[in-house]
C-alpha atoms as a PDB file:
ATOM      1  CA  MET A   1     180.048 107.070 108.168  1.00  0.00           C
ATOM      2  CA  LYS A   2     180.605 103.519 105.918  1.00  0.00           C
ATOM      3  CA  ASN A   3     178.895 104.426 102.939  1.00  0.00           C
ATOM      4  CA  TRP A   4     180.946 108.462 102.763  1.00  0.00           C
ATOM      5  CA  SER A   5     184.343 105.581 102.775  1.00  0.00           C
ATOM      6  CA  ARG A   6     182.513 103.879 100.416  1.00  0.00           C
ATOM      7  CA  LEU A   7     181.889 106.872  97.877  1.00  0.00           C
ATOM      8  CA  ARG A   8     185.275 108.071  98.225  1.00  0.00           C
ATOM      9  CA  SER A   9     186.524 105.049  96.881  1.00  0.00           C
ATOM     10  CA  LEU A  10     184.933 105.420  94.075  1.00  0.00           C
ATOM     11  CA  SER A  11     186.450 105.552  90.566  1.00  0.00           C
ATOM     12  CA  GLY A  12     185.610 109.196  88.938  1.00  0.00           C
ATOM     13  CA  GLN A  13     183.644 106.928  86.280  1.00  0.00           C
ATOM     14  CA  GLU A  14     181.314 104.685  88.855  1.00  0.00           C
ATOM     15  CA  MET A  15     180.590 108.457  90.444  1.00  0.00           C
ATOM     16  CA  LEU A  16     179.587 109.243  87.539  1.00  0.00           C
ATOM     17  CA  PHE A  17     177.212 106.345  86.951  1.00  0.00           C
ATOM     18  CA  LEU A  18     175.962 106.167  90.050  1.00  0.00           C
ATOM     19  CA  ALA A  19     175.152 109.990  89.622  1.00  0.00           C
ATOM     20  CA  ARG A  20     173.236 109.087  86.604  1.00  0.00           C
ATOM     21  CA  CYS A  21     170.973 106.042  88.655  1.00  0.00           C
ATOM     22  CA  LEU A  22     170.294 109.134  90.395  1.00  0.00           C
ATOM     23  CA  ALA A  23     169.229 111.377  88.350  1.00  0.00           C
ATOM     24  CA  VAL A  24     167.288 108.740  86.529  1.00  0.00           C
ATOM     25  CA  VAL A  25     165.514 106.850  89.790  1.00  0.00           C
ATOM     26  CA  SER A  26     164.338 110.585  90.361  1.00  0.00           C
ATOM     27  CA  ALA A  27     163.263 111.220  87.443  1.00  0.00           C
ATOM     28  CA  VAL A  28     161.601 107.987  87.345  1.00  0.00           C
ATOM     29  CA  ARG A  29     159.796 109.046  90.543  1.00  0.00           C
ATOM     30  CA  LEU A  30     158.435 111.587  89.753  1.00  0.00           C
ATOM     31  CA  ALA A  31     157.212 111.018  86.344  1.00  0.00           C
ATOM     32  CA  LEU A  32     155.119 108.065  88.776  1.00  0.00           C
ATOM     33  CA  THR A  33     153.858 110.918  91.355  1.00  0.00           C
ATOM     34  CA  LEU A  34     153.073 113.072  88.209  1.00  0.00           C
ATOM     35  CA  SER A  35     151.692 110.902  85.743  1.00  0.00           C
ATOM     36  CA  SER A  36     150.473 107.129  85.601  1.00  0.00           C
ATOM     37  CA  TYR A  37     152.218 103.794  84.282  1.00  0.00           C
ATOM     38  CA  SER A  38     151.008 103.478  80.993  1.00  0.00           C
ATOM     39  CA  HIS A  39     152.611 106.924  80.341  1.00  0.00           C
ATOM     40  CA  VAL A  40     156.404 106.134  82.053  1.00  0.00           C
ATOM     41  CA  ARG A  41     156.044 102.739  80.750  1.00  0.00           C
ATOM     42  CA  SER A  42     156.141 104.694  77.039  1.00  0.00           C
ATOM     43  CA  LEU A  43     158.669 106.645  77.197  1.00  0.00           C
ATOM     44  CA  VAL A  44     160.876 104.261  78.718  1.00  0.00           C
ATOM     45  CA  THR A  45     160.029 101.632  75.869  1.00  0.00           C
ATOM     46  CA  ARG A  46     160.001 104.210  72.916  1.00  0.00           C
ATOM     47  CA  LEU A  47     163.966 103.744  72.763  1.00  0.00           C
ATOM     48  CA  ASP A  48     165.327 100.399  69.918  1.00  0.00           C
ATOM     49  CA  ALA A  49     166.463  97.959  72.640  1.00  0.00           C
ATOM     50  CA  ARG A  50     167.193  94.701  70.888  1.00  0.00           C
ATOM     51  CA  ARG A  51     170.642  93.423  71.966  1.00  0.00           C
ATOM     52  CA  ASP A  52     171.390  91.429  75.390  1.00  0.00           C
ATOM     53  CA  ALA A  53     173.180  93.274  77.980  1.00  0.00           C
ATOM     54  CA  SER A  54     176.152  91.644  79.086  1.00  0.00           C
ATOM     55  CA  ILE A  55     176.345  90.218  82.747  1.00  0.00           C
ATOM     56  CA  ALA A  56     178.456  93.801  83.581  1.00  0.00           C
ATOM     57  CA  ASP A  57     175.950  95.478  82.360  1.00  0.00           C
ATOM     58  CA  LEU A  58     173.685  94.680  84.053  1.00  0.00           C
ATOM     59  CA  ARG A  59     175.475  94.413  87.187  1.00  0.00           C
ATOM     60  CA  ARG A  60     176.427  97.766  87.000  1.00  0.00           C
ATOM     61  CA  VAL A  61     172.709  98.564  86.824  1.00  0.00           C
ATOM     62  CA  ALA A  62     171.588  96.709  89.470  1.00  0.00           C
ATOM     63  CA  TRP A  63     174.537  98.556  91.660  1.00  0.00           C
ATOM     64  CA  GLY A  64     173.634 102.218  90.347  1.00  0.00           C
ATOM     65  CA  VAL A  65     170.323 101.521  91.171  1.00  0.00           C
ATOM     66  CA  ALA A  66     170.192 100.446  94.344  1.00  0.00           C
ATOM     67  CA  ALA A  67     172.106 102.265  95.536  1.00  0.00           C
ATOM     68  CA  ALA A  68     170.720 105.607  94.056  1.00  0.00           C
ATOM     69  CA  ALA A  69     167.027 103.859  95.183  1.00  0.00           C
ATOM     70  CA  ARG A  70     168.258 104.762  98.736  1.00  0.00           C
ATOM     71  CA  LEU A  71     168.566 107.994  98.569  1.00  0.00           C
ATOM     72  CA  VAL A  72     165.344 108.714  96.692  1.00  0.00           C
ATOM     73  CA  PRO A  73     162.152 108.714  99.142  1.00  0.00           C
ATOM     74  CA  GLY A  74     159.410 106.327  97.917  1.00  0.00           C
ATOM     75  CA  ALA A  75     161.337 104.099  94.853  1.00  0.00           C
ATOM     76  CA  SER A  76     159.658 101.994  94.941  1.00  0.00           C
ATOM     77  CA  CYS A  77     160.418  98.285  93.304  1.00  0.00           C
ATOM     78  CA  LEU A  78     157.861  99.326  90.424  1.00  0.00           C
ATOM     79  CA  THR A  79     160.423 102.579  90.400  1.00  0.00           C
ATOM     80  CA  GLN A  80     163.650 100.913  90.380  1.00  0.00           C
ATOM     81  CA  ALA A  81     162.123  98.590  87.704  1.00  0.00           C
ATOM     82  CA  LEU A  82     161.994 101.524  84.708  1.00  0.00           C
ATOM     83  CA  ALA A  83     164.495 103.153  86.107  1.00  0.00           C
ATOM     84  CA  GLY A  84     166.798 100.365  85.340  1.00  0.00           C
ATOM     85  CA  GLN A  85     164.344  99.480  82.199  1.00  0.00           C
ATOM     86  CA  TYR A  86     165.729 102.767  81.169  1.00  0.00           C
ATOM     87  CA  LEU A  87     169.550 102.556  81.858  1.00  0.00           C
ATOM     88  CA  LEU A  88     169.595  99.545  80.193  1.00  0.00           C
ATOM     89  CA  ALA A  89     167.633 100.652  76.857  1.00  0.00           C
ATOM     90  CA  ARG A  90     169.840 103.125  76.735  1.00  0.00           C
ATOM     91  CA  GLN A  91     172.767 100.932  75.554  1.00  0.00           C
ATOM     92  CA  GLY A  92     170.353  98.866  73.375  1.00  0.00           C
ATOM     93  CA  ASN A  93     170.200  96.276  75.762  1.00  0.00           C
ATOM     94  CA  ALA A  94     166.738  94.756  75.796  1.00  0.00           C
ATOM     95  CA  SER A  95     164.837  93.957  79.671  1.00  0.00           C
ATOM     96  CA  LYS A  96     161.002  93.734  80.511  1.00  0.00           C
ATOM     97  CA  ILE A  97     159.258  94.388  83.707  1.00  0.00           C
ATOM     98  CA  SER A  98     157.365  91.851  85.248  1.00  0.00           C
ATOM     99  CA  ILE A  99     154.728  92.205  87.762  1.00  0.00           C
ATOM    100  CA  GLY A 100     152.901  90.070  90.109  1.00  0.00           C
ATOM    101  CA  ILE A 101     151.263  89.482  94.152  1.00  0.00           C
ATOM    102  CA  GLU A 102     152.585  87.334  96.342  1.00  0.00           C
ATOM    103  CA  LYS A 103     150.119  84.682  97.116  1.00  0.00           C
ATOM    104  CA  GLY A 104     149.326  83.909 100.822  1.00  0.00           C
ATOM    105  CA  THR A 105     148.296  87.383 101.484  1.00  0.00           C
ATOM    106  CA  GLY A 106     144.662  86.106 101.922  1.00  0.00           C
ATOM    107  CA  SER A 107     142.707  89.840 100.824  1.00  0.00           C
ATOM    108  CA  GLU A 108     145.561  92.053 100.940  1.00  0.00           C
ATOM    109  CA  LEU A 109     147.238  92.523  97.653  1.00  0.00           C
ATOM    110  CA  LYS A 110     150.860  92.968  97.812  1.00  0.00           C
ATOM    111  CA  ALA A 111     152.685  93.811  93.855  1.00  0.00           C
ATOM    112  CA  HIS A 112     156.058  93.828  93.294  1.00  0.00           C
ATOM    113  CA  ALA A 113     158.329  94.363  90.082  1.00  0.00           C
ATOM    114  CA  TRP A 114     161.212  93.161  88.247  1.00  0.00           C
ATOM    115  CA  LEU A 115     163.136  93.811  85.985  1.00  0.00           C
ATOM    116  CA  MET A 116     164.015  90.651  83.886  1.00  0.00           C
ATOM    117  CA  SER A 117     167.033  90.936  81.100  1.00  0.00           C
ATOM    118  CA  GLY A 118     166.880  87.089  79.566  1.00  0.00           C
ATOM    119  CA  SER A 119     166.605  84.824  82.007  1.00  0.00           C
ATOM    120  CA  HIS A 120     168.131  87.249  85.133  1.00  0.00           C
ATOM    121  CA  ILE A 121     166.318  88.613  87.380  1.00  0.00           C
ATOM    122  CA  VAL A 122     168.278  92.473  87.238  1.00  0.00           C
ATOM    123  CA  LEU A 123     166.639  94.305  90.239  1.00  0.00           C
ATOM    124  CA  GLY A 124     163.170  93.443  92.410  1.00  0.00           C
ATOM    125  CA  GLY A 125     164.944  90.155  94.037  1.00  0.00           C
ATOM    126  CA  SER A 126     163.621  86.323  94.052  1.00  0.00           C
ATOM    127  CA  ILE A 127     160.072  85.203  92.780  1.00  0.00           C
ATOM    128  CA  ASN A 128     159.097  82.379  94.185  1.00  0.00           C
ATOM    129  CA  GLY A 129     155.908  83.039  96.414  1.00  0.00           C
ATOM    130  CA  PHE A 130     154.606  85.603  93.386  1.00  0.00           C
ATOM    131  CA  ALA A 131     152.348  84.808  91.009  1.00  0.00           C
ATOM    132  CA  HIS A 132     152.712  86.104  87.723  1.00  0.00           C
ATOM    133  CA  LEU A 133     150.380  88.376  86.664  1.00  0.00           C
ATOM    134  CA  VAL A 134     152.208  90.642  83.550  1.00  0.00           C
ATOM    135  CA  ASP A 135     155.772  91.487  81.368  1.00  0.00           C
ATOM    136  CA  HIS A 136     156.302  94.287  79.787  1.00  0.00           C
ATOM    137  CA  GLY A 137     158.893  94.494  77.665  1.00  0.00           C
ATOM    138  CA  SER A 138     161.251  96.250  75.798  1.00  0.00           C
END
């Protein structure tokens, strides 16, 4: 019930943006299921994104992608990072995806992905406790 009342409180623009986020997260999730990460990343990074995003844009994308991901089964951190990168790039905003592995997990590797814009973590939470592996820019 709480989620429905929150949804009803959104403005028309916010609802449209949330619908766009839901479509993008769903499309990225499906693309990652049917294709490779490299192929999906090449589609996302094809857009010309060079400027720095405003904090308001970063917060909006973080909110929209996180909310949409709750509705898409299997929307992993990588799915969310790619979707967020696409949404930012559509506005001309540069970002990168950082991938790392959790430290101290023994023989089991636990990978995680973050969406970064400048020095800001947009999606993925804290990077503490992870060893950095690679960055993929926009």
